[in-house]
Amino acid sequence: MIQPEYFPPVRPEASGFEGLLFIPDISGFTEFVHSTDVITGKIITAELLAAIISQNQLRLDISEVEGDAVLFYRHGAAPSVQELVQQFNMMETAFMEKRKQLEERFSLSLDISLKAIAHYGQMSQYQVGPFTKLYGEVVVEAHRLLKNSVQSNHYLLLTDALYNKAPFSNDEVFHNYFSSARLCEAYRSIQQICFTCLDFTAEQTLKKVA
């Protein structure tokens, strides 16, 4: 029987804060795990996630590394849409370069790509032993958005909650991208969430052809 003293104390934070949630996520990860032996798989996963984390231009804090995703967050005002696009591009470039290196090292063809969710809202933190955890509806929403209906594996998703808080936000930022669409989806007990999706799939296809 586990004794109560083995459980670390829970220390909730008294007040919350507004902030950014940014979650880069590896598309195709489930299939990758099924098709790769555990030793090779863990090396590849660790190096890909490290490549993503190394490109932290916005000085985001890390709450968790969640298997195939990194939960970044930042207190305070939302960054501009342009800054978020640049941040995603930097992480995606590092991810693709590392993927190519790993394919050559292990003589594999990796059918994986990168997508990211950017959300903004009220959240809080609490401490469980040495671990600091994020709490709030916005955190649940961001994770649920990873399971959206977008028919692409390579995109940046920007919620309305973020877009409306971002400085100097306007539709011109989307004109340089091959495809963008605004969608609204409902997830059971979660209210309807609207977002704009920047789809980079066409750009990736053109790079392969070039």
N, C-alpha and C. Protein backbone atom coordinates (compact mmCIF):
# COMPACT_ATOMS: atom_id res chain seq x y z
N MET A 1 0.83 -1.20 0.00
CA MET A 1 0.00 0.00 0.00
C MET A 1 0.87 1.25 0.00
N ILE A 2 0.59 2.20 -0.89
CA ILE A 2 1.39 3.42 -0.96
C ILE A 2 0.99 4.34 0.18
N GLN A 3 1.97 4.80 0.93
CA GLN A 3 1.72 5.70 2.04
C GLN A 3 1.53 7.14 1.55
N PRO A 4 0.73 7.94 2.25
CA PRO A 4 0.46 9.31 1.83
C PRO A 4 1.70 10.16 1.65
N GLU A 5 2.75 9.90 2.44
CA GLU A 5 3.95 10.74 2.35
C GLU A 5 4.68 10.59 1.01
N TYR A 6 4.33 9.57 0.23
CA TYR A 6 4.97 9.39 -1.07
C TYR A 6 4.40 10.35 -2.10
N PHE A 7 3.25 10.93 -1.83
CA PHE A 7 2.65 11.86 -2.77
C PHE A 7 3.17 13.26 -2.50
N PRO A 8 3.67 13.96 -3.53
CA PRO A 8 4.17 15.32 -3.32
C PRO A 8 3.02 16.27 -3.03
N PRO A 9 3.28 17.33 -2.27
CA PRO A 9 2.22 18.29 -1.96
C PRO A 9 1.78 19.07 -3.19
N VAL A 10 0.52 19.41 -3.25
CA VAL A 10 -0.02 20.22 -4.34
C VAL A 10 -0.15 21.65 -3.85
N ARG A 11 0.51 22.59 -4.58
CA ARG A 11 0.48 23.99 -4.18
C ARG A 11 -0.11 24.82 -5.31
N PRO A 12 -1.40 25.15 -5.25
CA PRO A 12 -2.02 25.92 -6.32
C PRO A 12 -1.56 27.37 -6.32
N GLU A 13 -1.49 27.96 -7.53
CA GLU A 13 -1.15 29.37 -7.65
C GLU A 13 -2.40 30.20 -7.38
N ALA A 14 -2.25 31.28 -6.64
CA ALA A 14 -3.40 32.07 -6.21
C ALA A 14 -4.09 32.79 -7.36
N SER A 15 -3.33 33.33 -8.26
CA SER A 15 -3.92 34.13 -9.34
C SER A 15 -3.46 33.63 -10.70
N GLY A 16 -4.28 33.89 -11.70
CA GLY A 16 -3.95 33.46 -13.05
C GLY A 16 -3.29 34.56 -13.85
N PHE A 17 -3.11 34.30 -15.13
CA PHE A 17 -2.49 35.27 -16.02
C PHE A 17 -2.97 35.03 -17.44
N GLU A 18 -2.90 36.04 -18.27
CA GLU A 18 -3.16 35.88 -19.69
C GLU A 18 -1.85 35.55 -20.39
N GLY A 19 -1.93 34.67 -21.36
CA GLY A 19 -0.71 34.32 -22.04
C GLY A 19 -0.92 33.49 -23.30
N LEU A 20 0.19 33.24 -23.96
CA LEU A 20 0.22 32.48 -25.21
C LEU A 20 0.48 31.01 -24.94
N LEU A 21 -0.22 30.14 -25.66
CA LEU A 21 0.10 28.72 -25.73
C LEU A 21 0.53 28.42 -27.15
N PHE A 22 1.65 27.74 -27.30
CA PHE A 22 2.17 27.41 -28.62
C PHE A 22 2.62 25.96 -28.59
N ILE A 23 1.97 25.11 -29.41
CA ILE A 23 2.24 23.66 -29.36
C ILE A 23 2.67 23.14 -30.73
N PRO A 24 3.97 23.01 -30.99
CA PRO A 24 4.42 22.30 -32.19
C PRO A 24 4.22 20.80 -31.98
N ASP A 25 3.73 20.13 -33.01
CA ASP A 25 3.35 18.73 -32.89
C ASP A 25 3.79 17.98 -34.15
N ILE A 26 4.33 16.78 -33.96
CA ILE A 26 4.82 15.99 -35.10
C ILE A 26 3.66 15.21 -35.72
N SER A 27 3.32 15.53 -36.95
CA SER A 27 2.29 14.78 -37.69
C SER A 27 2.86 13.47 -38.19
N GLY A 28 2.04 12.41 -38.11
CA GLY A 28 2.49 11.09 -38.56
C GLY A 28 3.24 10.33 -37.49
N PHE A 29 3.19 10.80 -36.24
CA PHE A 29 3.99 10.20 -35.18
C PHE A 29 3.50 8.79 -34.81
N THR A 30 2.19 8.58 -34.77
CA THR A 30 1.67 7.26 -34.40
C THR A 30 2.15 6.19 -35.37
N GLU A 31 2.06 6.47 -36.66
CA GLU A 31 2.53 5.53 -37.68
C GLU A 31 4.03 5.31 -37.55
N PHE A 32 4.75 6.40 -37.26
CA PHE A 32 6.20 6.31 -37.09
C PHE A 32 6.55 5.35 -35.95
N VAL A 33 5.87 5.46 -34.81
CA VAL A 33 6.14 4.60 -33.67
C VAL A 33 5.86 3.13 -34.01
N HIS A 34 4.77 2.88 -34.75
CA HIS A 34 4.42 1.51 -35.12
C HIS A 34 5.43 0.88 -36.08
N SER A 35 6.07 1.70 -36.90
CA SER A 35 6.94 1.17 -37.96
C SER A 35 8.43 1.23 -37.63
N THR A 36 8.78 1.72 -36.44
CA THR A 36 10.19 1.90 -36.08
C THR A 36 10.50 1.17 -34.78
N ASP A 37 11.67 0.52 -34.71
CA ASP A 37 12.02 -0.17 -33.46
C ASP A 37 12.23 0.85 -32.35
N VAL A 38 12.07 0.42 -31.11
CA VAL A 38 12.00 1.33 -29.98
C VAL A 38 13.30 2.11 -29.76
N ILE A 39 14.44 1.50 -30.00
CA ILE A 39 15.72 2.18 -29.78
C ILE A 39 15.91 3.29 -30.80
N THR A 40 15.72 2.94 -32.08
CA THR A 40 15.86 3.94 -33.14
C THR A 40 14.81 5.03 -32.97
N GLY A 41 13.59 4.61 -32.65
CA GLY A 41 12.49 5.56 -32.51
C GLY A 41 12.74 6.60 -31.44
N LYS A 42 13.25 6.19 -30.30
CA LYS A 42 13.46 7.16 -29.21
C LYS A 42 14.58 8.14 -29.55
N ILE A 43 15.61 7.67 -30.26
CA ILE A 43 16.70 8.56 -30.67
C ILE A 43 16.18 9.61 -31.64
N ILE A 44 15.42 9.17 -32.64
CA ILE A 44 14.87 10.09 -33.63
C ILE A 44 13.93 11.10 -32.99
N THR A 45 13.05 10.62 -32.12
CA THR A 45 12.10 11.52 -31.46
C THR A 45 12.82 12.57 -30.63
N ALA A 46 13.79 12.14 -29.83
CA ALA A 46 14.52 13.07 -28.97
C ALA A 46 15.24 14.13 -29.79
N GLU A 47 15.85 13.74 -30.89
CA GLU A 47 16.61 14.70 -31.69
C GLU A 47 15.70 15.66 -32.44
N LEU A 48 14.55 15.18 -32.89
CA LEU A 48 13.60 16.06 -33.58
C LEU A 48 13.02 17.10 -32.61
N LEU A 49 12.66 16.66 -31.41
CA LEU A 49 12.12 17.58 -30.41
C LEU A 49 13.18 18.59 -29.97
N ALA A 50 14.43 18.13 -29.85
CA ALA A 50 15.52 19.04 -29.49
C ALA A 50 15.74 20.09 -30.57
N ALA A 51 15.58 19.70 -31.84
CA ALA A 51 15.73 20.65 -32.94
C ALA A 51 14.65 21.72 -32.87
N ILE A 52 13.43 21.32 -32.55
CA ILE A 52 12.33 22.27 -32.41
C ILE A 52 12.61 23.24 -31.26
N ILE A 53 12.98 22.71 -30.12
CA ILE A 53 13.22 23.53 -28.94
C ILE A 53 14.37 24.51 -29.14
N SER A 54 15.35 24.12 -29.94
CA SER A 54 16.53 24.97 -30.15
C SER A 54 16.20 26.27 -30.87
N GLN A 55 15.06 26.33 -31.53
CA GLN A 55 14.68 27.51 -32.31
C GLN A 55 13.63 28.36 -31.60
N ASN A 56 13.84 28.61 -30.34
CA ASN A 56 12.88 29.32 -29.50
C ASN A 56 13.11 30.83 -29.56
N GLN A 57 12.79 31.41 -30.69
CA GLN A 57 13.03 32.83 -30.93
C GLN A 57 12.19 33.72 -30.02
N LEU A 58 10.99 33.30 -29.68
CA LEU A 58 10.07 34.11 -28.89
C LEU A 58 10.31 33.99 -27.38
N ARG A 59 11.36 33.27 -26.99
CA ARG A 59 11.71 33.09 -25.58
C ARG A 59 10.52 32.52 -24.79
N LEU A 60 9.96 31.46 -25.32
CA LEU A 60 8.83 30.80 -24.68
C LEU A 60 9.32 29.88 -23.56
N ASP A 61 8.50 29.74 -22.53
CA ASP A 61 8.77 28.76 -21.49
C ASP A 61 8.23 27.41 -21.92
N ILE A 62 8.80 26.35 -21.39
CA ILE A 62 8.33 25.00 -21.69
C ILE A 62 7.61 24.45 -20.46
N SER A 63 6.35 24.07 -20.65
CA SER A 63 5.59 23.44 -19.58
C SER A 63 5.83 21.93 -19.58
N GLU A 64 5.74 21.34 -20.78
CA GLU A 64 5.89 19.88 -20.90
C GLU A 64 6.38 19.50 -22.28
N VAL A 65 7.06 18.35 -22.34
CA VAL A 65 7.32 17.66 -23.60
C VAL A 65 6.41 16.45 -23.58
N GLU A 66 5.48 16.39 -24.55
CA GLU A 66 4.38 15.43 -24.49
C GLU A 66 4.48 14.40 -25.61
N GLY A 67 5.47 13.57 -25.57
CA GLY A 67 5.60 12.52 -26.58
C GLY A 67 6.06 13.07 -27.91
N ASP A 68 5.12 13.56 -28.71
CA ASP A 68 5.44 14.08 -30.04
C ASP A 68 5.20 15.58 -30.12
N ALA A 69 5.05 16.26 -28.99
CA ALA A 69 4.74 17.69 -28.99
C ALA A 69 5.44 18.39 -27.84
N VAL A 70 5.60 19.70 -28.00
CA VAL A 70 6.17 20.53 -26.94
C VAL A 70 5.13 21.58 -26.56
N LEU A 71 4.81 21.67 -25.28
CA LEU A 71 3.85 22.66 -24.80
C LEU A 71 4.62 23.90 -24.34
N PHE A 72 4.69 24.90 -25.23
CA PHE A 72 5.31 26.17 -24.90
C PHE A 72 4.25 27.14 -24.38
N TYR A 73 4.65 28.07 -23.54
CA TYR A 73 3.74 29.12 -23.11
C TYR A 73 4.54 30.38 -22.79
N ARG A 74 3.84 31.49 -22.71
CA ARG A 74 4.49 32.76 -22.35
C ARG A 74 3.49 33.69 -21.69
N HIS A 75 3.86 34.26 -20.56
CA HIS A 75 3.03 35.25 -19.88
C HIS A 75 2.96 36.53 -20.71
N GLY A 76 1.87 37.26 -20.55
CA GLY A 76 1.80 38.61 -21.09
C GLY A 76 1.14 38.71 -22.44
N ALA A 77 1.39 39.86 -23.09
CA ALA A 77 0.73 40.20 -24.34
C ALA A 77 1.04 39.20 -25.45
N ALA A 78 0.10 39.05 -26.36
CA ALA A 78 0.28 38.14 -27.49
C ALA A 78 1.29 38.70 -28.49
N PRO A 79 2.10 37.85 -29.10
CA PRO A 79 2.99 38.31 -30.17
C PRO A 79 2.17 38.58 -31.43
N SER A 80 2.78 39.23 -32.40
CA SER A 80 2.09 39.48 -33.66
C SER A 80 1.98 38.19 -34.45
N VAL A 81 1.05 38.19 -35.41
CA VAL A 81 0.91 37.03 -36.29
C VAL A 81 2.21 36.80 -37.06
N GLN A 82 2.82 37.89 -37.51
CA GLN A 82 4.08 37.77 -38.24
C GLN A 82 5.15 37.08 -37.40
N GLU A 83 5.23 37.42 -36.11
CA GLU A 83 6.21 36.79 -35.23
C GLU A 83 5.94 35.30 -35.07
N LEU A 84 4.67 34.93 -34.97
CA LEU A 84 4.32 33.53 -34.82
C LEU A 84 4.64 32.74 -36.08
N VAL A 85 4.37 33.33 -37.24
CA VAL A 85 4.71 32.68 -38.50
C VAL A 85 6.22 32.47 -38.60
N GLN A 86 6.98 33.50 -38.23
CA GLN A 86 8.44 33.38 -38.26
C GLN A 86 8.92 32.31 -37.30
N GLN A 87 8.30 32.26 -36.09
CA GLN A 87 8.68 31.24 -35.12
C GLN A 87 8.41 29.84 -35.65
N PHE A 88 7.25 29.65 -36.24
CA PHE A 88 6.93 28.34 -36.81
C PHE A 88 7.90 27.98 -37.93
N ASN A 89 8.19 28.94 -38.81
CA ASN A 89 9.11 28.68 -39.92
C ASN A 89 10.49 28.26 -39.43
N MET A 90 10.97 28.90 -38.38
CA MET A 90 12.28 28.54 -37.84
C MET A 90 12.28 27.13 -37.28
N MET A 91 11.25 26.80 -36.53
CA MET A 91 11.16 25.45 -35.96
C MET A 91 10.98 24.41 -37.05
N GLU A 92 10.16 24.73 -38.05
CA GLU A 92 9.90 23.79 -39.14
C GLU A 92 11.16 23.55 -39.97
N THR A 93 11.94 24.60 -40.21
CA THR A 93 13.19 24.44 -40.96
C THR A 93 14.18 23.55 -40.22
N ALA A 94 14.33 23.79 -38.91
CA ALA A 94 15.22 22.97 -38.11
C ALA A 94 14.74 21.52 -38.06
N PHE A 95 13.44 21.34 -37.95
CA PHE A 95 12.83 20.01 -37.92
C PHE A 95 13.13 19.26 -39.22
N MET A 96 12.94 19.91 -40.37
CA MET A 96 13.15 19.26 -41.66
C MET A 96 14.62 18.95 -41.90
N GLU A 97 15.50 19.84 -41.48
CA GLU A 97 16.94 19.58 -41.63
C GLU A 97 17.36 18.39 -40.78
N LYS A 98 16.85 18.33 -39.55
CA LYS A 98 17.18 17.20 -38.68
C LYS A 98 16.57 15.91 -39.21
N ARG A 99 15.36 15.98 -39.75
CA ARG A 99 14.73 14.80 -40.34
C ARG A 99 15.58 14.23 -41.46
N LYS A 100 16.09 15.10 -42.33
CA LYS A 100 16.93 14.65 -43.45
C LYS A 100 18.20 13.98 -42.92
N GLN A 101 18.83 14.57 -41.91
CA GLN A 101 20.03 13.97 -41.32
C GLN A 101 19.75 12.59 -40.75
N LEU A 102 18.62 12.47 -40.06
CA LEU A 102 18.27 11.19 -39.43
C LEU A 102 17.92 10.13 -40.47
N GLU A 103 17.27 10.54 -41.56
CA GLU A 103 16.97 9.60 -42.64
C GLU A 103 18.25 9.03 -43.22
N GLU A 104 19.25 9.87 -43.39
CA GLU A 104 20.53 9.41 -43.93
C GLU A 104 21.26 8.53 -42.92
N ARG A 105 21.22 8.91 -41.64
CA ARG A 105 21.93 8.15 -40.62
C ARG A 105 21.36 6.75 -40.44
N PHE A 106 20.03 6.64 -40.46
CA PHE A 106 19.38 5.36 -40.19
C PHE A 106 18.84 4.67 -41.44
N SER A 107 19.11 5.24 -42.61
CA SER A 107 18.63 4.68 -43.88
C SER A 107 17.12 4.44 -43.84
N LEU A 108 16.41 5.49 -43.44
CA LEU A 108 14.96 5.43 -43.32
C LEU A 108 14.31 6.53 -44.14
N SER A 109 13.05 6.32 -44.48
CA SER A 109 12.22 7.37 -45.06
C SER A 109 11.17 7.73 -44.02
N LEU A 110 11.25 8.93 -43.49
CA LEU A 110 10.37 9.35 -42.40
C LEU A 110 9.21 10.17 -42.96
N ASP A 111 8.01 9.61 -42.89
CA ASP A 111 6.82 10.30 -43.38
C ASP A 111 6.20 11.10 -42.24
N ILE A 112 6.91 12.12 -41.82
CA ILE A 112 6.47 12.96 -40.72
C ILE A 112 6.67 14.42 -41.10
N SER A 113 5.87 15.29 -40.50
CA SER A 113 5.98 16.72 -40.75
C SER A 113 5.61 17.46 -39.47
N LEU A 114 5.57 18.79 -39.54
CA LEU A 114 5.32 19.58 -38.34
C LEU A 114 4.08 20.45 -38.51
N LYS A 115 3.29 20.51 -37.47
CA LYS A 115 2.17 21.45 -37.40
C LYS A 115 2.24 22.13 -36.05
N ALA A 116 1.48 23.22 -35.87
CA ALA A 116 1.52 23.92 -34.59
C ALA A 116 0.18 24.59 -34.31
N ILE A 117 -0.16 24.64 -33.03
CA ILE A 117 -1.36 25.31 -32.55
C ILE A 117 -0.93 26.54 -31.75
N ALA A 118 -1.52 27.70 -32.04
CA ALA A 118 -1.25 28.91 -31.28
C ALA A 118 -2.57 29.43 -30.71
N HIS A 119 -2.64 29.57 -29.39
CA HIS A 119 -3.87 29.96 -28.70
C HIS A 119 -3.51 30.98 -27.63
N TYR A 120 -4.51 31.70 -27.16
CA TYR A 120 -4.24 32.76 -26.17
C TYR A 120 -5.43 32.87 -25.21
N GLY A 121 -5.12 33.10 -23.94
CA GLY A 121 -6.21 33.28 -22.98
C GLY A 121 -5.75 33.22 -21.55
N GLN A 122 -6.73 33.12 -20.65
CA GLN A 122 -6.50 33.11 -19.22
C GLN A 122 -6.13 31.70 -18.76
N MET A 123 -5.06 31.61 -18.00
CA MET A 123 -4.64 30.31 -17.46
C MET A 123 -3.98 30.53 -16.10
N SER A 124 -3.64 29.44 -15.46
CA SER A 124 -2.96 29.52 -14.17
C SER A 124 -1.93 28.41 -14.11
N GLN A 125 -1.18 28.38 -13.03
CA GLN A 125 -0.18 27.34 -12.82
C GLN A 125 -0.34 26.77 -11.43
N TYR A 126 0.05 25.50 -11.28
CA TYR A 126 0.10 24.91 -9.95
C TYR A 126 1.30 23.99 -9.87
N GLN A 127 1.75 23.75 -8.68
CA GLN A 127 2.96 22.99 -8.45
C GLN A 127 2.61 21.64 -7.84
N VAL A 128 3.12 20.57 -8.42
CA VAL A 128 3.01 19.23 -7.85
C VAL A 128 4.43 18.72 -7.67
N GLY A 129 4.93 18.79 -6.44
CA GLY A 129 6.32 18.45 -6.22
C GLY A 129 7.22 19.35 -7.04
N PRO A 130 8.12 18.78 -7.85
CA PRO A 130 9.03 19.60 -8.66
C PRO A 130 8.42 20.05 -9.99
N PHE A 131 7.19 19.64 -10.27
CA PHE A 131 6.59 19.89 -11.58
C PHE A 131 5.64 21.09 -11.54
N THR A 132 5.79 22.01 -12.50
CA THR A 132 4.89 23.14 -12.66
C THR A 132 3.94 22.83 -13.81
N LYS A 133 2.65 22.85 -13.54
CA LYS A 133 1.65 22.48 -14.53
C LYS A 133 0.77 23.68 -14.87
N LEU A 134 0.31 23.72 -16.12
CA LEU A 134 -0.62 24.75 -16.55
C LEU A 134 -2.05 24.27 -16.35
N TYR A 135 -2.93 25.21 -16.02
CA TYR A 135 -4.32 24.86 -15.78
C TYR A 135 -5.22 25.93 -16.39
N GLY A 136 -6.33 25.50 -16.97
CA GLY A 136 -7.32 26.44 -17.47
C GLY A 136 -8.03 25.91 -18.70
N GLU A 137 -9.16 26.52 -18.99
CA GLU A 137 -9.94 26.11 -20.16
C GLU A 137 -9.14 26.28 -21.44
N VAL A 138 -8.34 27.34 -21.51
CA VAL A 138 -7.56 27.60 -22.70
C VAL A 138 -6.56 26.47 -22.96
N VAL A 139 -6.06 25.85 -21.90
CA VAL A 139 -5.11 24.73 -22.04
C VAL A 139 -5.83 23.51 -22.63
N VAL A 140 -7.03 23.24 -22.13
CA VAL A 140 -7.83 22.13 -22.65
C VAL A 140 -8.16 22.37 -24.13
N GLU A 141 -8.54 23.60 -24.45
CA GLU A 141 -8.90 23.93 -25.83
C GLU A 141 -7.72 23.73 -26.77
N ALA A 142 -6.54 24.18 -26.35
CA ALA A 142 -5.36 24.05 -27.21
C ALA A 142 -5.04 22.59 -27.51
N HIS A 143 -5.15 21.74 -26.50
CA HIS A 143 -4.89 20.32 -26.72
C HIS A 143 -5.96 19.69 -27.60
N ARG A 144 -7.19 20.11 -27.42
CA ARG A 144 -8.27 19.56 -28.25
C ARG A 144 -8.10 19.96 -29.70
N LEU A 145 -7.57 21.14 -29.94
CA LEU A 145 -7.37 21.62 -31.31
C LEU A 145 -6.34 20.81 -32.08
N LEU A 146 -5.51 20.07 -31.37
CA LEU A 146 -4.56 19.18 -32.05
C LEU A 146 -5.30 18.07 -32.80
N LYS A 147 -6.57 17.82 -32.42
CA LYS A 147 -7.38 16.78 -33.06
C LYS A 147 -8.45 17.41 -33.95
N ASN A 148 -8.11 18.47 -34.63
CA ASN A 148 -9.08 19.17 -35.48
C ASN A 148 -9.33 18.40 -36.78
N SER A 149 -10.22 18.94 -37.60
CA SER A 149 -10.60 18.28 -38.85
C SER A 149 -9.84 18.79 -40.08
N VAL A 150 -8.81 19.59 -39.86
CA VAL A 150 -8.03 20.13 -40.98
C VAL A 150 -7.39 18.98 -41.77
N GLN A 151 -7.59 19.00 -43.07
CA GLN A 151 -7.07 17.91 -43.93
C GLN A 151 -5.66 18.24 -44.41
N SER A 152 -4.77 18.41 -43.48
CA SER A 152 -3.37 18.70 -43.78
C SER A 152 -2.53 18.26 -42.59
N ASN A 153 -1.27 17.95 -42.84
CA ASN A 153 -0.36 17.57 -41.78
C ASN A 153 0.74 18.59 -41.57
N HIS A 154 0.62 19.74 -42.23
CA HIS A 154 1.72 20.72 -42.21
C HIS A 154 1.12 22.12 -42.22
N TYR A 155 0.85 22.64 -41.03
CA TYR A 155 0.14 23.92 -40.96
C TYR A 155 0.41 24.62 -39.63
N LEU A 156 0.04 25.90 -39.59
CA LEU A 156 0.02 26.70 -38.37
C LEU A 156 -1.41 27.14 -38.14
N LEU A 157 -1.96 26.78 -36.99
CA LEU A 157 -3.34 27.12 -36.65
C LEU A 157 -3.34 28.26 -35.64
N LEU A 158 -4.05 29.34 -35.97
CA LEU A 158 -4.13 30.53 -35.12
C LEU A 158 -5.58 30.73 -34.69
N THR A 159 -5.86 30.65 -33.39
CA THR A 159 -7.24 30.81 -32.93
C THR A 159 -7.67 32.28 -33.00
N ASP A 160 -8.97 32.49 -33.06
CA ASP A 160 -9.49 33.86 -33.02
C ASP A 160 -9.10 34.56 -31.73
N ALA A 161 -9.08 33.81 -30.62
CA ALA A 161 -8.71 34.40 -29.33
C ALA A 161 -7.31 35.00 -29.39
N LEU A 162 -6.42 34.34 -30.10
CA LEU A 162 -5.06 34.86 -30.30
C LEU A 162 -5.05 36.00 -31.31
N TYR A 163 -5.69 35.75 -32.45
CA TYR A 163 -5.66 36.72 -33.54
C TYR A 163 -6.22 38.07 -33.11
N ASN A 164 -7.26 38.06 -32.28
CA ASN A 164 -7.88 39.29 -31.83
C ASN A 164 -7.03 40.06 -30.82
N LYS A 165 -6.08 39.39 -30.20
CA LYS A 165 -5.19 40.03 -29.23
C LYS A 165 -3.84 40.41 -29.84
N ALA A 166 -3.50 39.84 -30.98
CA ALA A 166 -2.20 40.08 -31.59
C ALA A 166 -2.12 41.51 -32.12
N PRO A 167 -1.00 42.20 -31.89
CA PRO A 167 -0.88 43.58 -32.37
C PRO A 167 -0.81 43.66 -33.89
N PHE A 168 -1.47 44.67 -34.45
CA PHE A 168 -1.44 44.96 -35.89
C PHE A 168 -1.87 43.76 -36.73
N SER A 169 -2.81 42.99 -36.22
CA SER A 169 -3.30 41.85 -36.98
C SER A 169 -4.20 42.32 -38.12
N ASN A 170 -3.96 41.82 -39.30
CA ASN A 170 -4.85 42.09 -40.43
C ASN A 170 -4.68 40.98 -41.46
N ASP A 171 -5.62 40.92 -42.39
CA ASP A 171 -5.64 39.82 -43.34
C ASP A 171 -4.45 39.82 -44.30
N GLU A 172 -3.70 40.91 -44.39
CA GLU A 172 -2.59 40.98 -45.33
C GLU A 172 -1.51 39.95 -45.02
N VAL A 173 -1.39 39.58 -43.74
CA VAL A 173 -0.36 38.63 -43.38
C VAL A 173 -0.57 37.28 -44.06
N PHE A 174 -1.81 36.97 -44.45
CA PHE A 174 -2.10 35.67 -45.05
C PHE A 174 -1.90 35.64 -46.56
N HIS A 175 -1.69 36.78 -47.18
CA HIS A 175 -1.61 36.84 -48.63
C HIS A 175 -0.36 36.16 -49.20
N ASN A 176 0.67 35.99 -48.36
CA ASN A 176 1.91 35.38 -48.83
C ASN A 176 1.90 33.86 -48.73
N TYR A 177 0.80 33.28 -48.29
CA TYR A 177 0.75 31.84 -48.10
C TYR A 177 -0.16 31.18 -49.13
N PHE A 178 0.16 29.94 -49.42
CA PHE A 178 -0.53 29.23 -50.49
C PHE A 178 -2.00 28.98 -50.17
N SER A 179 -2.30 28.76 -48.92
CA SER A 179 -3.68 28.44 -48.56
C SER A 179 -3.95 28.83 -47.12
N SER A 180 -5.03 29.54 -46.91
CA SER A 180 -5.46 29.84 -45.55
C SER A 180 -6.98 29.77 -45.51
N ALA A 181 -7.51 29.33 -44.38
CA ALA A 181 -8.96 29.19 -44.25
C ALA A 181 -9.36 29.42 -42.80
N ARG A 182 -10.51 30.06 -42.61
CA ARG A 182 -11.04 30.26 -41.27
C ARG A 182 -12.16 29.24 -41.04
N LEU A 183 -12.06 28.51 -39.93
CA LEU A 183 -13.01 27.45 -39.61
C LEU A 183 -13.48 27.62 -38.17
N CYS A 184 -14.64 27.04 -37.87
CA CYS A 184 -15.15 26.98 -36.50
C CYS A 184 -15.55 25.54 -36.21
N GLU A 185 -15.13 25.03 -35.04
CA GLU A 185 -15.45 23.66 -34.67
C GLU A 185 -15.88 23.60 -33.22
N ALA A 186 -16.77 22.65 -32.91
CA ALA A 186 -17.24 22.45 -31.54
C ALA A 186 -16.75 21.08 -31.07
N TYR A 187 -16.34 21.00 -29.80
CA TYR A 187 -15.80 19.77 -29.24
C TYR A 187 -16.55 19.42 -27.95
N ARG A 188 -17.63 18.69 -28.10
CA ARG A 188 -18.43 18.22 -26.96
C ARG A 188 -18.73 19.36 -25.98
N SER A 189 -18.18 19.27 -24.75
CA SER A 189 -18.50 20.27 -23.74
C SER A 189 -17.77 21.59 -23.94
N ILE A 190 -16.80 21.61 -24.87
CA ILE A 190 -16.06 22.84 -25.13
C ILE A 190 -16.84 23.71 -26.10
N GLN A 191 -16.87 24.99 -25.83
CA GLN A 191 -17.57 25.90 -26.72
C GLN A 191 -16.94 25.90 -28.11
N GLN A 192 -17.68 26.38 -29.08
CA GLN A 192 -17.18 26.45 -30.44
C GLN A 192 -15.93 27.32 -30.50
N ILE A 193 -14.90 26.82 -31.17
CA ILE A 193 -13.64 27.54 -31.30
C ILE A 193 -13.42 27.86 -32.78
N CYS A 194 -13.13 29.11 -33.06
CA CYS A 194 -12.86 29.52 -34.44
C CYS A 194 -11.36 29.79 -34.60
N PHE A 195 -10.85 29.46 -35.77
CA PHE A 195 -9.42 29.62 -36.01
C PHE A 195 -9.13 29.79 -37.49
N THR A 196 -7.95 30.30 -37.76
CA THR A 196 -7.45 30.40 -39.13
C THR A 196 -6.29 29.43 -39.28
N CYS A 197 -6.31 28.67 -40.34
CA CYS A 197 -5.27 27.67 -40.59
C CYS A 197 -4.42 28.09 -41.79
N LEU A 198 -3.13 28.25 -41.58
CA LEU A 198 -2.19 28.50 -42.67
C LEU A 198 -1.60 27.16 -43.09
N ASP A 199 -1.95 26.72 -44.28
CA ASP A 199 -1.55 25.40 -44.77
C ASP A 199 -0.28 25.53 -45.60
N PHE A 200 0.79 24.88 -45.14
CA PHE A 200 2.08 24.95 -45.82
C PHE A 200 2.33 23.73 -46.71
N THR A 201 1.33 22.87 -46.89
CA THR A 201 1.51 21.65 -47.67
C THR A 201 1.92 21.95 -49.10
N ALA A 202 1.26 22.92 -49.75
CA ALA A 202 1.58 23.26 -51.13
C ALA A 202 3.01 23.76 -51.25
N GLU A 203 3.45 24.55 -50.26
CA GLU A 203 4.82 25.07 -50.28
C GLU A 203 5.81 23.93 -50.17
N GLN A 204 5.54 22.94 -49.32
CA GLN A 204 6.42 21.80 -49.15
C GLN A 204 6.50 20.99 -50.44
N THR A 205 5.36 20.82 -51.13
CA THR A 205 5.33 20.08 -52.39
C THR A 205 6.19 20.78 -53.44
N LEU A 206 6.09 22.10 -53.52
CA LEU A 206 6.89 22.84 -54.49
C LEU A 206 8.37 22.72 -54.22
N LYS A 207 8.77 22.68 -52.94
CA LYS A 207 10.17 22.53 -52.58
C LYS A 207 10.71 21.18 -53.05
N LYS A 208 9.87 20.13 -52.94
CA LYS A 208 10.31 18.80 -53.37
C LYS A 208 10.50 18.75 -54.88
N VAL A 209 9.63 19.44 -55.60
CA VAL A 209 9.69 19.44 -57.06
C VAL A 209 10.89 20.23 -57.55
N ALA A 210 11.21 21.34 -56.86
CA ALA A 210 12.25 22.26 -57.31
C ALA A 210 13.63 21.65 -57.31
